Amino acid sequence: MSVRDALAKAQAADLDLVEISPNANPPVCKIIDYKKFLFEQKKRSKELKAKQTKVVVKEIRMGPNTEEHDFNFKLNHAKTFLKEGAKVKAYVFFKGRTIVFKDRGEILLLKFAQELEEYGSLEQMPKLEGKKMIMMINPKKK
């Protein structure tokens, strides 16, 4: 159909002539209500945005010489975070000369991961980044 005929048909129906794919041979056009189309597209994108889940990362900081009571306290916090569906970033912070105790920090993080095994899965093994030894834990799917 020629462009002139298509435009006449669209005006007769009180609608808009919209070009769908300009690169096709011949170009493809559609007769639609453009305002309604934009409204529905906006509505669809809002629905998709509402269904998305935001990934929340909660941090837990420990030192290489963290005692048992403090460890258990932080462990309970991590359990609640994982139950809520948040990721947990546990790290051991080495201050000053405590960097000598890298092995203690790694043992502490591995013990932490082992205790949280039923609540989440280990995403990243403990690794040293500057003055921090970091480990990530993902929540288990429901």
N, C-alpha and C. Protein backbone atom coordinates (compact mmCIF):
# COMPACT_ATOMS: atom_id res chain seq x y z
N MET A 1 0.86 -1.17 0.00
CA MET A 1 0.00 0.00 0.00
C MET A 1 0.90 1.24 0.00
N SER A 2 0.50 2.24 -0.68
CA SER A 2 1.32 3.45 -0.74
C SER A 2 1.17 4.25 0.56
N VAL A 3 2.10 5.11 0.80
CA VAL A 3 2.12 5.91 2.04
C VAL A 3 0.90 6.82 2.09
N ARG A 4 0.55 7.41 0.95
CA ARG A 4 -0.60 8.32 0.89
C ARG A 4 -1.89 7.60 1.27
N ASP A 5 -2.07 6.38 0.73
CA ASP A 5 -3.28 5.59 1.03
C ASP A 5 -3.32 5.20 2.51
N ALA A 6 -2.16 4.81 3.04
CA ALA A 6 -2.07 4.41 4.44
C ALA A 6 -2.40 5.58 5.36
N LEU A 7 -1.87 6.75 5.03
CA LEU A 7 -2.17 7.95 5.83
C LEU A 7 -3.65 8.30 5.78
N ALA A 8 -4.25 8.18 4.62
CA ALA A 8 -5.69 8.48 4.46
C ALA A 8 -6.52 7.50 5.29
N LYS A 9 -6.14 6.22 5.25
CA LYS A 9 -6.85 5.20 6.02
C LYS A 9 -6.74 5.48 7.52
N ALA A 10 -5.53 5.88 7.98
CA ALA A 10 -5.30 6.17 9.40
C ALA A 10 -6.11 7.39 9.84
N GLN A 11 -6.18 8.43 9.00
CA GLN A 11 -6.94 9.63 9.34
C GLN A 11 -8.44 9.33 9.36
N ALA A 12 -8.87 8.45 8.49
CA ALA A 12 -10.29 8.08 8.46
C ALA A 12 -10.68 7.34 9.74
N ALA A 13 -9.77 6.55 10.26
CA ALA A 13 -10.04 5.80 11.49
C ALA A 13 -9.69 6.62 12.73
N ASP A 14 -9.19 7.86 12.54
CA ASP A 14 -8.78 8.75 13.63
C ASP A 14 -7.68 8.10 14.50
N LEU A 15 -6.73 7.46 13.81
CA LEU A 15 -5.59 6.81 14.46
C LEU A 15 -4.30 7.32 13.85
N ASP A 16 -3.16 6.79 14.30
CA ASP A 16 -1.85 7.22 13.82
C ASP A 16 -1.21 6.12 12.98
N LEU A 17 -0.41 6.55 11.99
CA LEU A 17 0.37 5.62 11.17
C LEU A 17 1.78 5.58 11.76
N VAL A 18 2.18 4.40 12.28
CA VAL A 18 3.46 4.25 12.97
C VAL A 18 4.35 3.30 12.19
N GLU A 19 5.61 3.72 11.95
CA GLU A 19 6.56 2.88 11.23
C GLU A 19 7.17 1.88 12.21
N ILE A 20 6.96 0.59 11.95
CA ILE A 20 7.43 -0.46 12.85
C ILE A 20 8.88 -0.85 12.55
N SER A 21 9.18 -1.21 11.31
CA SER A 21 10.56 -1.55 10.94
C SER A 21 10.94 -0.83 9.65
N PRO A 22 11.71 0.25 9.80
CA PRO A 22 12.08 1.06 8.64
C PRO A 22 13.11 0.40 7.72
N ASN A 23 13.86 -0.57 8.23
CA ASN A 23 14.91 -1.20 7.43
C ASN A 23 14.40 -2.33 6.53
N ALA A 24 13.17 -2.75 6.73
CA ALA A 24 12.59 -3.82 5.91
C ALA A 24 12.34 -3.28 4.50
N ASN A 25 12.22 -4.20 3.54
CA ASN A 25 11.96 -3.79 2.16
C ASN A 25 10.66 -4.42 1.71
N PRO A 26 9.55 -3.77 1.58
CA PRO A 26 9.24 -2.37 1.86
C PRO A 26 9.09 -2.13 3.37
N PRO A 27 9.23 -0.86 3.84
CA PRO A 27 9.09 -0.56 5.28
C PRO A 27 7.71 -0.96 5.80
N VAL A 28 7.69 -1.47 7.03
CA VAL A 28 6.43 -1.95 7.63
C VAL A 28 5.87 -0.86 8.54
N CYS A 29 4.57 -0.57 8.35
CA CYS A 29 3.88 0.43 9.16
C CYS A 29 2.62 -0.20 9.75
N LYS A 30 2.12 0.44 10.82
CA LYS A 30 0.94 -0.08 11.50
C LYS A 30 0.03 1.09 11.85
N ILE A 31 -1.27 0.89 11.78
CA ILE A 31 -2.22 1.92 12.15
C ILE A 31 -2.68 1.63 13.57
N ILE A 32 -2.25 2.48 14.51
CA ILE A 32 -2.59 2.29 15.93
C ILE A 32 -2.80 3.64 16.60
N ASP A 33 -3.36 3.61 17.82
CA ASP A 33 -3.47 4.81 18.64
C ASP A 33 -2.14 4.94 19.39
N TYR A 34 -1.30 5.89 18.98
CA TYR A 34 0.06 5.99 19.48
C TYR A 34 0.12 6.33 20.97
N LYS A 35 -0.77 7.20 21.43
CA LYS A 35 -0.80 7.57 22.86
C LYS A 35 -1.12 6.35 23.72
N LYS A 36 -2.07 5.54 23.26
CA LYS A 36 -2.46 4.34 24.00
C LYS A 36 -1.28 3.34 24.00
N PHE A 37 -0.59 3.24 22.88
CA PHE A 37 0.56 2.36 22.76
C PHE A 37 1.65 2.76 23.76
N LEU A 38 1.95 4.07 23.82
CA LEU A 38 2.96 4.56 24.76
C LEU A 38 2.54 4.30 26.21
N PHE A 39 1.25 4.50 26.52
CA PHE A 39 0.74 4.26 27.86
C PHE A 39 0.91 2.80 28.26
N GLU A 40 0.54 1.89 27.36
CA GLU A 40 0.66 0.46 27.66
C GLU A 40 2.12 0.03 27.81
N GLN A 41 2.99 0.61 27.00
CA GLN A 41 4.41 0.30 27.09
C GLN A 41 4.97 0.76 28.45
N LYS A 42 4.57 1.95 28.88
CA LYS A 42 5.00 2.48 30.16
C LYS A 42 4.49 1.62 31.31
N LYS A 43 3.23 1.19 31.19
CA LYS A 43 2.59 0.35 32.20
C LYS A 43 3.32 -1.00 32.31
N ARG A 44 3.67 -1.58 31.16
CA ARG A 44 4.38 -2.87 31.11
C ARG A 44 5.76 -2.75 31.78
N SER A 45 6.45 -1.65 31.48
CA SER A 45 7.79 -1.47 32.07
C SER A 45 7.70 -1.27 33.59
N LYS A 46 6.64 -0.61 34.06
CA LYS A 46 6.43 -0.44 35.50
C LYS A 46 6.20 -1.78 36.18
N GLU A 47 5.40 -2.64 35.55
CA GLU A 47 5.13 -3.97 36.10
C GLU A 47 6.41 -4.80 36.19
N LEU A 48 7.23 -4.74 35.15
CA LEU A 48 8.49 -5.47 35.16
C LEU A 48 9.41 -4.95 36.25
N LYS A 49 9.42 -3.64 36.43
CA LYS A 49 10.26 -3.04 37.45
C LYS A 49 9.80 -3.45 38.85
N ALA A 50 8.50 -3.57 39.04
CA ALA A 50 7.95 -3.95 40.34
C ALA A 50 8.30 -5.40 40.68
N LYS A 51 8.39 -6.25 39.67
CA LYS A 51 8.70 -7.66 39.90
C LYS A 51 10.17 -7.91 40.18
N GLN A 52 11.03 -6.94 39.84
CA GLN A 52 12.47 -7.12 40.06
C GLN A 52 12.78 -7.10 41.54
N THR A 53 13.78 -7.90 41.93
CA THR A 53 14.22 -7.88 43.31
C THR A 53 15.58 -7.20 43.38
N LYS A 54 15.74 -6.35 44.35
CA LYS A 54 16.99 -5.65 44.53
C LYS A 54 17.91 -6.50 45.40
N VAL A 55 19.16 -6.61 45.00
CA VAL A 55 20.12 -7.39 45.76
C VAL A 55 20.69 -6.49 46.85
N VAL A 56 20.48 -6.89 48.10
CA VAL A 56 20.98 -6.14 49.24
C VAL A 56 22.21 -6.86 49.77
N VAL A 57 23.28 -6.13 49.96
CA VAL A 57 24.51 -6.72 50.50
C VAL A 57 24.73 -6.17 51.91
N LYS A 58 24.74 -7.06 52.88
CA LYS A 58 25.00 -6.69 54.28
C LYS A 58 26.44 -7.06 54.60
N GLU A 59 27.11 -6.19 55.33
CA GLU A 59 28.51 -6.42 55.66
C GLU A 59 28.66 -6.81 57.13
N ILE A 60 29.59 -7.73 57.36
CA ILE A 60 29.94 -8.13 58.72
C ILE A 60 31.45 -8.03 58.84
N ARG A 61 31.88 -7.24 59.81
CA ARG A 61 33.32 -6.97 59.98
C ARG A 61 33.82 -7.65 61.24
N MET A 62 34.95 -8.31 61.11
CA MET A 62 35.59 -8.96 62.25
C MET A 62 37.08 -8.64 62.22
N GLY A 63 37.72 -8.89 63.33
CA GLY A 63 39.17 -8.77 63.41
C GLY A 63 39.77 -10.17 63.46
N PRO A 64 41.07 -10.30 63.27
CA PRO A 64 41.69 -11.64 63.30
C PRO A 64 41.66 -12.27 64.69
N ASN A 65 41.50 -11.45 65.72
CA ASN A 65 41.49 -11.97 67.10
C ASN A 65 40.09 -11.95 67.70
N THR A 66 39.06 -12.09 66.87
CA THR A 66 37.67 -12.06 67.34
C THR A 66 37.41 -13.26 68.24
N GLU A 67 36.86 -12.99 69.42
CA GLU A 67 36.58 -14.05 70.40
C GLU A 67 35.29 -14.81 70.05
N GLU A 68 35.07 -15.91 70.72
CA GLU A 68 33.95 -16.82 70.44
C GLU A 68 32.59 -16.13 70.58
N HIS A 69 32.40 -15.35 71.66
CA HIS A 69 31.10 -14.70 71.89
C HIS A 69 30.79 -13.70 70.78
N ASP A 70 31.78 -12.88 70.41
CA ASP A 70 31.59 -11.90 69.34
C ASP A 70 31.32 -12.60 68.01
N PHE A 71 32.03 -13.70 67.78
CA PHE A 71 31.84 -14.50 66.56
C PHE A 71 30.41 -15.00 66.47
N ASN A 72 29.90 -15.56 67.58
CA ASN A 72 28.52 -16.07 67.60
C ASN A 72 27.50 -14.96 67.41
N PHE A 73 27.77 -13.80 67.98
CA PHE A 73 26.89 -12.64 67.84
C PHE A 73 26.78 -12.23 66.37
N LYS A 74 27.92 -12.15 65.70
CA LYS A 74 27.95 -11.78 64.28
C LYS A 74 27.34 -12.88 63.42
N LEU A 75 27.52 -14.12 63.84
CA LEU A 75 26.95 -15.27 63.14
C LEU A 75 25.43 -15.20 63.15
N ASN A 76 24.85 -14.85 64.28
CA ASN A 76 23.39 -14.73 64.38
C ASN A 76 22.87 -13.61 63.48
N HIS A 77 23.61 -12.51 63.42
CA HIS A 77 23.22 -11.41 62.51
C HIS A 77 23.25 -11.90 61.06
N ALA A 78 24.29 -12.63 60.71
CA ALA A 78 24.41 -13.13 59.34
C ALA A 78 23.27 -14.09 59.01
N LYS A 79 22.87 -14.91 59.97
CA LYS A 79 21.76 -15.85 59.75
C LYS A 79 20.46 -15.08 59.45
N THR A 80 20.21 -14.01 60.21
CA THR A 80 18.99 -13.23 59.95
C THR A 80 19.06 -12.55 58.59
N PHE A 81 20.23 -12.04 58.22
CA PHE A 81 20.38 -11.39 56.91
C PHE A 81 20.10 -12.39 55.79
N LEU A 82 20.64 -13.60 55.91
CA LEU A 82 20.45 -14.61 54.87
C LEU A 82 19.00 -15.09 54.81
N LYS A 83 18.34 -15.16 55.97
CA LYS A 83 16.93 -15.55 55.99
C LYS A 83 16.06 -14.51 55.28
N GLU A 84 16.46 -13.23 55.39
CA GLU A 84 15.72 -12.15 54.73
C GLU A 84 16.00 -12.09 53.24
N GLY A 85 17.01 -12.84 52.77
CA GLY A 85 17.32 -12.89 51.35
C GLY A 85 18.43 -11.95 50.92
N ALA A 86 19.18 -11.40 51.87
CA ALA A 86 20.28 -10.49 51.54
C ALA A 86 21.59 -11.27 51.41
N LYS A 87 22.49 -10.76 50.57
CA LYS A 87 23.83 -11.34 50.48
C LYS A 87 24.62 -10.87 51.69
N VAL A 88 25.57 -11.69 52.11
CA VAL A 88 26.41 -11.31 53.24
C VAL A 88 27.86 -11.22 52.77
N LYS A 89 28.46 -10.07 53.07
CA LYS A 89 29.88 -9.86 52.77
C LYS A 89 30.60 -9.83 54.11
N ALA A 90 31.27 -10.93 54.43
CA ALA A 90 32.00 -11.02 55.68
C ALA A 90 33.46 -10.73 55.41
N TYR A 91 34.06 -9.90 56.26
CA TYR A 91 35.47 -9.62 56.05
C TYR A 91 36.19 -9.45 57.37
N VAL A 92 37.47 -9.82 57.33
CA VAL A 92 38.35 -9.65 58.47
C VAL A 92 39.24 -8.46 58.14
N PHE A 93 39.23 -7.48 59.03
CA PHE A 93 40.02 -6.27 58.82
C PHE A 93 41.30 -6.35 59.62
N PHE A 94 42.41 -6.22 58.94
CA PHE A 94 43.72 -6.28 59.59
C PHE A 94 44.22 -4.86 59.85
N LYS A 95 44.43 -4.55 61.13
CA LYS A 95 44.84 -3.21 61.53
C LYS A 95 46.31 -3.25 61.96
N GLY A 96 47.11 -2.41 61.36
CA GLY A 96 48.52 -2.31 61.76
C GLY A 96 49.28 -3.61 61.56
N ARG A 97 49.86 -4.12 62.63
CA ARG A 97 50.70 -5.34 62.54
C ARG A 97 49.90 -6.63 62.56
N THR A 98 48.58 -6.55 62.68
CA THR A 98 47.78 -7.78 62.69
C THR A 98 47.76 -8.46 61.33
N ILE A 99 48.31 -7.83 60.31
CA ILE A 99 48.39 -8.42 58.96
C ILE A 99 49.21 -9.71 59.00
N VAL A 100 50.00 -9.89 60.06
CA VAL A 100 50.80 -11.10 60.23
C VAL A 100 49.89 -12.32 60.42
N PHE A 101 48.68 -12.09 60.93
CA PHE A 101 47.76 -13.19 61.24
C PHE A 101 46.79 -13.48 60.10
N LYS A 102 47.29 -13.50 58.87
CA LYS A 102 46.44 -13.78 57.71
C LYS A 102 45.78 -15.14 57.83
N ASP A 103 46.52 -16.12 58.30
CA ASP A 103 45.99 -17.48 58.43
C ASP A 103 44.84 -17.53 59.43
N ARG A 104 44.93 -16.76 60.53
CA ARG A 104 43.84 -16.71 61.52
C ARG A 104 42.58 -16.14 60.88
N GLY A 105 42.77 -15.10 60.08
CA GLY A 105 41.63 -14.47 59.41
C GLY A 105 40.94 -15.43 58.45
N GLU A 106 41.74 -16.18 57.70
CA GLU A 106 41.17 -17.14 56.75
C GLU A 106 40.44 -18.26 57.48
N ILE A 107 41.02 -18.75 58.56
CA ILE A 107 40.38 -19.81 59.36
C ILE A 107 39.05 -19.30 59.92
N LEU A 108 39.05 -18.05 60.41
CA LEU A 108 37.85 -17.45 60.97
C LEU A 108 36.74 -17.37 59.92
N LEU A 109 37.08 -16.92 58.71
CA LEU A 109 36.08 -16.80 57.64
C LEU A 109 35.58 -18.16 57.18
N LEU A 110 36.46 -19.14 57.09
CA LEU A 110 36.02 -20.48 56.67
C LEU A 110 35.11 -21.10 57.73
N LYS A 111 35.41 -20.87 58.99
CA LYS A 111 34.55 -21.36 60.08
C LYS A 111 33.18 -20.67 59.99
N PHE A 112 33.20 -19.37 59.69
CA PHE A 112 31.98 -18.58 59.53
C PHE A 112 31.12 -19.16 58.41
N ALA A 113 31.75 -19.48 57.28
CA ALA A 113 31.04 -20.05 56.13
C ALA A 113 30.48 -21.43 56.46
N GLN A 114 31.25 -22.21 57.21
CA GLN A 114 30.81 -23.55 57.57
C GLN A 114 29.58 -23.50 58.47
N GLU A 115 29.55 -22.54 59.39
CA GLU A 115 28.41 -22.39 60.30
C GLU A 115 27.15 -21.94 59.55
N LEU A 116 27.34 -21.17 58.46
CA LEU A 116 26.20 -20.65 57.69
C LEU A 116 25.81 -21.53 56.52
N GLU A 117 26.35 -22.73 56.45
CA GLU A 117 26.15 -23.61 55.30
C GLU A 117 24.68 -23.91 55.01
N GLU A 118 23.85 -24.06 56.06
CA GLU A 118 22.44 -24.38 55.83
C GLU A 118 21.60 -23.16 55.44
N TYR A 119 22.13 -21.95 55.66
CA TYR A 119 21.40 -20.73 55.34
C TYR A 119 21.82 -20.13 54.00
N GLY A 120 23.07 -20.37 53.60
CA GLY A 120 23.55 -19.78 52.36
C GLY A 120 24.71 -20.56 51.78
N SER A 121 25.03 -20.25 50.54
CA SER A 121 26.13 -20.93 49.87
C SER A 121 27.28 -19.94 49.63
N LEU A 122 28.47 -20.44 49.67
CA LEU A 122 29.67 -19.62 49.51
C LEU A 122 29.81 -19.21 48.05
N GLU A 123 29.83 -17.90 47.80
CA GLU A 123 29.98 -17.40 46.44
C GLU A 123 31.45 -17.21 46.10
N GLN A 124 32.19 -16.73 47.07
CA GLN A 124 33.60 -16.41 46.84
C GLN A 124 34.41 -16.85 48.05
N MET A 125 35.45 -17.60 47.80
CA MET A 125 36.35 -18.05 48.87
C MET A 125 37.06 -16.82 49.45
N PRO A 126 37.52 -16.91 50.71
CA PRO A 126 38.22 -15.77 51.30
C PRO A 126 39.46 -15.38 50.50
N LYS A 127 39.57 -14.10 50.17
CA LYS A 127 40.78 -13.63 49.49
C LYS A 127 41.18 -12.28 50.05
N LEU A 128 42.47 -12.05 50.08
CA LEU A 128 43.03 -10.84 50.67
C LEU A 128 43.02 -9.71 49.64
N GLU A 129 42.42 -8.59 50.02
CA GLU A 129 42.40 -7.40 49.18
C GLU A 129 42.87 -6.23 50.04
N GLY A 130 44.14 -5.91 49.94
CA GLY A 130 44.70 -4.83 50.76
C GLY A 130 44.77 -5.24 52.21
N LYS A 131 44.04 -4.52 53.07
CA LYS A 131 44.04 -4.83 54.51
C LYS A 131 42.83 -5.66 54.92
N LYS A 132 42.04 -6.10 53.95
CA LYS A 132 40.83 -6.88 54.24
C LYS A 132 40.91 -8.25 53.60
N MET A 133 40.38 -9.25 54.29
CA MET A 133 40.19 -10.57 53.69
C MET A 133 38.68 -10.73 53.55
N ILE A 134 38.21 -10.82 52.30
CA ILE A 134 36.77 -10.74 52.01
C ILE A 134 36.23 -12.09 51.57
N MET A 135 34.96 -12.35 51.95
CA MET A 135 34.25 -13.57 51.54
C MET A 135 32.78 -13.20 51.32
N MET A 136 32.18 -13.72 50.25
CA MET A 136 30.77 -13.44 49.95
C MET A 136 29.94 -14.70 50.12
N ILE A 137 28.73 -14.55 50.68
CA ILE A 137 27.81 -15.66 50.89
C ILE A 137 26.46 -15.30 50.31
N ASN A 138 25.91 -16.17 49.45
CA ASN A 138 24.59 -15.97 48.84
C ASN A 138 23.54 -16.68 49.67
N PRO A 139 22.32 -16.12 49.77
CA PRO A 139 21.25 -16.82 50.49
C PRO A 139 20.76 -18.01 49.68
N LYS A 140 20.26 -19.03 50.37
CA LYS A 140 19.71 -20.20 49.68
C LYS A 140 18.33 -19.83 49.17
N LYS A 141 17.98 -20.39 48.01
CA LYS A 141 16.67 -20.13 47.41
C LYS A 141 15.59 -20.85 48.20
N LYS A 142 14.40 -20.20 48.26
CA LYS A 142 13.29 -20.77 49.02
C LYS A 142 12.50 -21.72 48.16
